[in-house]
C-alpha cells in the first residue's frame, strides 16, 4: 500500500460516536476511507470498488444482513467484516451465511479491528510466483484449483467461491489426506494472531461443502475431525499438480 494508491475501505455505520473516530483511525493508517450511515448510501458507494467493507448490522433503512447479501452479490471478491452488537451464535451464523468473511462483536478494541483489517487485506495480495513462474495448479480428481488465477473448477465448471472460501479449500487440498488443525487453518486463512471464535471457520466449511456439491463434487471429501480440525480426502488418495 502506498500514498499514491491507497486501499479503499467502506465503513457502513450509523452511530456517529463509532463512525467518526473509526474513520479517523482508518485514514490515519493511510486507507482511503468512505463512510456511509445508511444502506442506500452504502449501495451507492460500492461503485468506488472498496477492497474491504466494515458493516454494521443495525442500520435505519435496511437490515444489515440483507445489505450484506446485496453487497456480496455486487462485490464477490471484496472482504466484508461485520461489526455488530448482536453476539448470539445465530446472529454470527446469519452474518456469515449472508456473505461476510468475518464477524466482530461490539464493543471491540480498535487495535484488534485494525489488525483484522490488515490481515484481511494481506490475504487479498496475489499468490506469489516461484522463480518468475505462476504457482502450479492443483488437480484432485474432478477438482481443479488454479492458484495464480484464484479459480476453482469442478469438471470444467467454475465454482464461484468467495476469497476466504478459496483460501480455505486451497489450504485443505494442499495437505490432502492429512489432518489440519483448526488453529492452523485459522492462521493460514485468516491471521496468524487470530483471537476470535473459530465458528467463522465452521461456517466457511459448511458454505464450501454446499457450493462444491452444487457442481457435482462430493462434499464429504472435507472431513470433520471432532475436537481437532478438518481433512480433505482426495480421490484414490492422490494429489497431482
Protein backbone atom coordinates (compact mmCIF):
# COMPACT_ATOMS: atom_id res chain seq x y z
CA UNK A 1 0.00 0.00 0.00
CA UNK A 2 1.32 3.44 -0.86
CA UNK A 3 0.21 7.04 -0.54
CA UNK A 4 -0.27 7.25 -4.31
CA UNK A 5 -2.61 4.25 -4.45
CA UNK A 6 -4.34 3.84 -1.07
CA UNK A 7 -6.58 0.89 -0.35
CA UNK A 8 -10.24 1.88 -0.23
CA UNK A 9 -12.32 0.83 2.77
CA UNK A 10 -16.06 1.41 3.07
CA UNK A 11 -17.42 1.84 6.60
CA UNK A 12 -21.19 1.40 6.97
CA UNK A 13 -22.10 2.67 10.44
CA UNK A 14 -24.99 4.93 11.51
CA UNK A 15 -23.65 5.65 15.02
CA UNK A 16 -21.55 8.81 14.76
CA UNK A 17 -19.84 8.05 18.08
CA UNK A 18 -18.37 4.96 16.42
CA UNK A 19 -18.17 6.04 12.81
CA UNK A 20 -16.28 9.29 13.25
CA UNK A 21 -13.33 8.02 15.35
CA UNK A 22 -13.15 4.79 13.35
CA UNK A 23 -12.99 6.71 10.08
CA UNK A 24 -10.22 8.86 11.54
CA UNK A 25 -8.29 5.80 12.71
CA UNK A 26 -8.53 4.12 9.31
CA UNK A 27 -7.43 7.26 7.48
CA UNK A 28 -4.59 7.53 9.96
CA UNK A 29 -3.45 4.14 8.66
CA UNK A 30 -3.40 5.61 5.10
CA UNK A 31 -6.60 3.85 3.99
CA UNK A 32 -8.87 5.78 1.63
CA UNK A 33 -11.95 5.54 3.87
CA UNK A 34 -15.55 6.11 2.78
CA UNK A 35 -18.28 6.40 5.41
CA UNK A 36 -21.95 5.59 4.81
CA UNK A 37 -24.60 5.98 7.50
CA UNK A 38 -27.40 4.22 5.61
CA UNK A 39 -27.73 1.17 3.38
CA UNK A 40 -28.75 3.39 0.48
CA UNK A 41 -25.51 5.38 0.76
CA UNK A 42 -23.50 2.17 1.01
CA UNK A 43 -25.04 0.78 -2.18
CA UNK A 44 -24.07 3.99 -3.98
CA UNK A 45 -20.51 3.95 -2.66
CA UNK A 46 -19.82 0.38 -3.81
CA UNK A 47 -19.19 1.97 -7.23
CA UNK A 48 -15.84 3.01 -5.69
CA UNK A 49 -14.92 -0.73 -5.57
CA UNK A 50 -13.71 -0.89 -1.97
CA UNK A 51 -11.25 -3.64 -1.09
CA UNK A 52 -12.88 -4.12 2.30
CA UNK A 53 -16.24 -3.23 3.87
CA UNK A 54 -16.85 -2.77 7.59
CA UNK A 55 -20.59 -3.32 8.01
CA UNK A 56 -22.79 -2.53 10.99
CA UNK A 57 -25.98 -4.63 11.04
CA UNK A 58 -28.19 -2.11 12.84
CA UNK A 59 -28.99 0.34 10.03
CA UNK A 60 -32.04 2.65 9.90
CA UNK A 61 -33.22 1.87 6.36
CA UNK A 62 -32.41 -1.82 5.74
CA UNK A 63 -31.49 -4.85 7.80
CA UNK A 64 -27.73 -5.27 7.76
CA UNK A 65 -27.92 -8.97 6.90
CA UNK A 66 -29.91 -8.19 3.75
CA UNK A 67 -27.45 -5.42 2.88
CA UNK A 68 -24.61 -7.91 3.33
CA UNK A 69 -26.27 -10.22 0.78
CA UNK A 70 -26.63 -7.37 -1.71
CA UNK A 71 -23.05 -6.20 -1.22
CA UNK A 72 -21.74 -9.74 -1.67
CA UNK A 73 -23.72 -10.11 -4.90
CA UNK A 74 -22.28 -6.87 -6.28
CA UNK A 75 -18.72 -7.32 -4.98
CA UNK A 76 -17.95 -11.05 -4.87
CA UNK A 77 -14.21 -10.53 -4.25
CA UNK A 78 -14.48 -7.78 -1.60
CA UNK A 79 -13.84 -8.66 2.05
CA UNK A 80 -16.85 -7.95 4.28
CA UNK A 81 -16.34 -7.68 8.04
CA UNK A 82 -19.49 -7.38 10.14
CA UNK A 83 -19.37 -5.11 13.19
CA UNK A 84 -22.34 -5.82 15.42
CA UNK A 85 -23.68 -5.77 18.93
CA UNK A 86 -25.52 -8.99 18.12
CA UNK A 87 -23.33 -11.63 19.75
CA UNK A 88 -25.58 -14.70 19.73
CA UNK A 89 -24.44 -17.69 17.69
CA UNK A 90 -27.49 -17.44 15.43
CA UNK A 91 -26.58 -13.84 14.55
CA UNK A 92 -23.00 -14.79 13.71
CA UNK A 93 -24.25 -17.65 11.53
CA UNK A 94 -26.70 -15.38 9.70
CA UNK A 95 -23.98 -12.82 9.01
CA UNK A 96 -21.53 -15.38 7.68
CA UNK A 97 -24.16 -17.15 5.58
CA UNK A 98 -25.14 -13.77 4.10
CA UNK A 99 -21.62 -13.45 2.73
CA UNK A 100 -19.48 -11.93 5.49
CA UNK A 101 -15.86 -13.04 5.74
CA UNK A 102 -15.52 -12.11 9.40
CA UNK A 103 -17.70 -11.08 12.36
CA UNK A 104 -16.56 -8.82 15.17
CA UNK A 105 -18.87 -8.06 18.10
CA UNK A 106 -19.20 -4.65 19.75
CA UNK A 107 -17.65 -3.30 21.84
CA UNK A 108 -14.35 -4.10 20.16
CA UNK A 109 -10.84 -2.84 20.75
CA UNK A 110 -9.56 -0.61 17.97
CA UNK A 111 -6.12 -2.31 17.73
CA UNK A 112 -7.86 -5.67 17.27
CA UNK A 113 -10.06 -4.30 14.49
CA UNK A 114 -7.11 -2.68 12.71
CA UNK A 115 -5.15 -5.94 12.97
CA UNK A 116 -8.07 -7.82 11.40
CA UNK A 117 -8.26 -5.25 8.59
CA UNK A 118 -4.53 -5.58 7.85
CA UNK A 119 -4.75 -9.38 7.91
CA UNK A 120 -7.68 -9.49 5.50
CA UNK A 121 -6.04 -7.06 3.11
CA UNK A 122 -2.79 -9.04 3.17
CA UNK A 123 -4.75 -12.12 2.17
CA UNK A 124 -6.01 -10.28 -0.91
CA UNK A 125 -2.49 -10.00 -2.35
CA UNK A 126 -1.82 -12.18 -5.40
CA UNK A 127 -0.45 -15.67 -4.81
CA UNK A 128 3.36 -15.34 -5.04
CA UNK A 129 5.18 -16.81 -8.02
CA UNK A 130 8.18 -19.12 -7.75
CA UNK A 131 11.24 -18.31 -9.88
CA UNK A 132 9.13 -16.00 -12.02
CA UNK A 133 6.60 -18.74 -12.82
CA UNK A 134 2.95 -18.87 -11.69
CA UNK A 135 2.12 -21.30 -8.89
CA UNK A 136 1.22 -24.66 -10.46
CA UNK A 137 -2.44 -25.72 -10.49
CA UNK A 138 -3.70 -28.48 -8.22
CA UNK A 139 -5.86 -31.32 -9.58
CA UNK A 140 -7.71 -33.77 -7.36
CA UNK A 141 -10.00 -35.89 -9.49
CA UNK A 142 -12.63 -33.57 -10.95
CA UNK A 143 -11.46 -30.66 -8.76
CA UNK A 144 -9.04 -28.15 -10.31
CA UNK A 145 -7.55 -25.21 -8.39
CA UNK A 146 -5.68 -22.53 -10.32
CA UNK A 147 -3.81 -20.75 -7.53
CA UNK A 148 -2.48 -17.96 -9.72
CA UNK A 149 -5.90 -17.06 -11.11
CA UNK A 150 -7.67 -17.97 -7.84
CA UNK A 151 -10.11 -20.11 -9.81
CA UNK A 152 -11.84 -23.29 -8.68
CA UNK A 153 -13.38 -25.67 -11.23
CA UNK A 154 -15.23 -28.97 -10.95
CA UNK A 155 -15.39 -30.95 -14.20
CA UNK A 156 -14.53 -27.76 -16.09
CA UNK A 157 -17.26 -25.64 -14.46
CA UNK A 158 -16.09 -22.68 -12.42
CA UNK A 159 -17.32 -22.68 -8.83
CA UNK A 160 -17.94 -19.11 -7.56
CA UNK A 161 -16.05 -19.03 -4.29
CA UNK A 162 -15.55 -16.06 -2.01
CA UNK A 163 -11.90 -15.18 -1.24
CA UNK A 164 -11.82 -16.91 2.13
CA UNK A 165 -13.61 -19.98 0.76
CA UNK A 166 -10.97 -20.32 -1.96
CA UNK A 167 -8.12 -19.89 0.51
CA UNK A 168 -9.66 -22.44 2.87
CA UNK A 169 -10.08 -25.00 0.09
CA UNK A 170 -6.53 -24.36 -1.12
CA UNK A 171 -5.18 -24.85 2.42
CA UNK A 172 -7.02 -28.17 2.73
CA UNK A 173 -6.14 -29.63 -0.67
CA UNK A 174 -2.50 -28.63 -0.24
CA UNK A 175 -2.49 -31.11 2.68
CA UNK A 176 -4.82 -33.66 1.04
CA UNK A 177 -5.11 -36.80 3.13
CA UNK A 178 -3.59 -35.07 6.16
CA UNK A 179 -5.36 -33.72 9.24
CA UNK A 180 -5.18 -29.93 9.55
CA UNK A 181 -5.99 -28.38 12.91
CA UNK A 182 -8.50 -25.60 13.40
CA UNK A 183 -5.73 -23.35 14.70
CA UNK A 184 -3.58 -23.94 11.62
CA UNK A 185 -6.47 -23.25 9.26
CA UNK A 186 -7.37 -20.04 11.10
CA UNK A 187 -3.72 -18.95 10.94
CA UNK A 188 -3.39 -19.73 7.22
CA UNK A 189 -6.69 -18.32 6.03
CA UNK A 190 -7.42 -15.52 8.48
CA UNK A 191 -4.49 -14.39 10.59
CA UNK A 192 -1.57 -15.89 12.49
CA UNK A 193 -2.58 -13.96 15.61
CA UNK A 194 -6.30 -14.79 15.38
CA UNK A 195 -8.12 -14.30 18.70
CA UNK A 196 -11.75 -14.65 17.62
CA UNK A 197 -14.08 -17.66 17.69
CA UNK A 198 -13.48 -20.46 15.19
CA UNK A 199 -17.19 -20.59 14.33
CA UNK A 200 -16.15 -18.48 11.33
CA UNK A 201 -14.17 -21.49 10.11
CA UNK A 202 -17.09 -23.89 10.57
CA UNK A 203 -19.48 -21.69 8.62
CA UNK A 204 -17.00 -21.33 5.76
CA UNK A 205 -16.55 -25.11 5.63
CA UNK A 206 -20.34 -25.52 5.52
CA UNK A 207 -20.64 -22.99 2.69
CA UNK A 208 -17.74 -24.58 0.83
CA UNK A 209 -19.29 -28.04 1.03
CA UNK A 210 -22.61 -26.72 -0.24
CA UNK A 211 -21.07 -24.93 -3.22
CA UNK A 212 -18.92 -27.89 -4.22
CA UNK A 213 -21.93 -30.20 -4.02
CA UNK A 214 -23.89 -27.90 -6.32
CA UNK A 215 -21.26 -28.53 -9.00
CA UNK A 216 -21.08 -32.28 -8.51
CA UNK A 217 -18.13 -32.58 -6.14
CA UNK A 218 -18.57 -34.90 -3.13
CA UNK A 219 -18.89 -32.53 -0.13
CA UNK A 220 -17.89 -35.35 2.22
CA UNK A 221 -14.33 -35.12 0.92
CA UNK A 222 -13.98 -32.37 3.51
CA UNK A 223 -13.99 -34.50 6.63
CA UNK A 224 -14.68 -33.05 10.09
CA UNK A 225 -12.23 -34.27 12.72
CA UNK A 226 -14.01 -33.76 16.01
CA UNK A 227 -12.14 -31.63 18.55
CA UNK A 228 -9.26 -31.17 16.08
CA UNK A 229 -9.99 -29.75 12.62
CA UNK A 230 -10.56 -30.97 9.07
CA UNK A 231 -9.08 -33.22 6.39
CA UNK A 232 -9.56 -33.24 2.61
CA UNK A 233 -9.74 -36.78 1.23
CA UNK A 234 -8.53 -36.84 -2.38
CA UNK A 235 -9.95 -39.38 -4.85
CA UNK A 236 -7.81 -42.53 -4.66
CA UNK A 237 -5.62 -40.66 -2.17
CA UNK A 238 -3.71 -38.96 -5.00
CA UNK A 239 -2.53 -35.38 -5.44
CA UNK A 240 -1.42 -34.05 -8.82
CA UNK A 241 -0.01 -30.69 -9.79
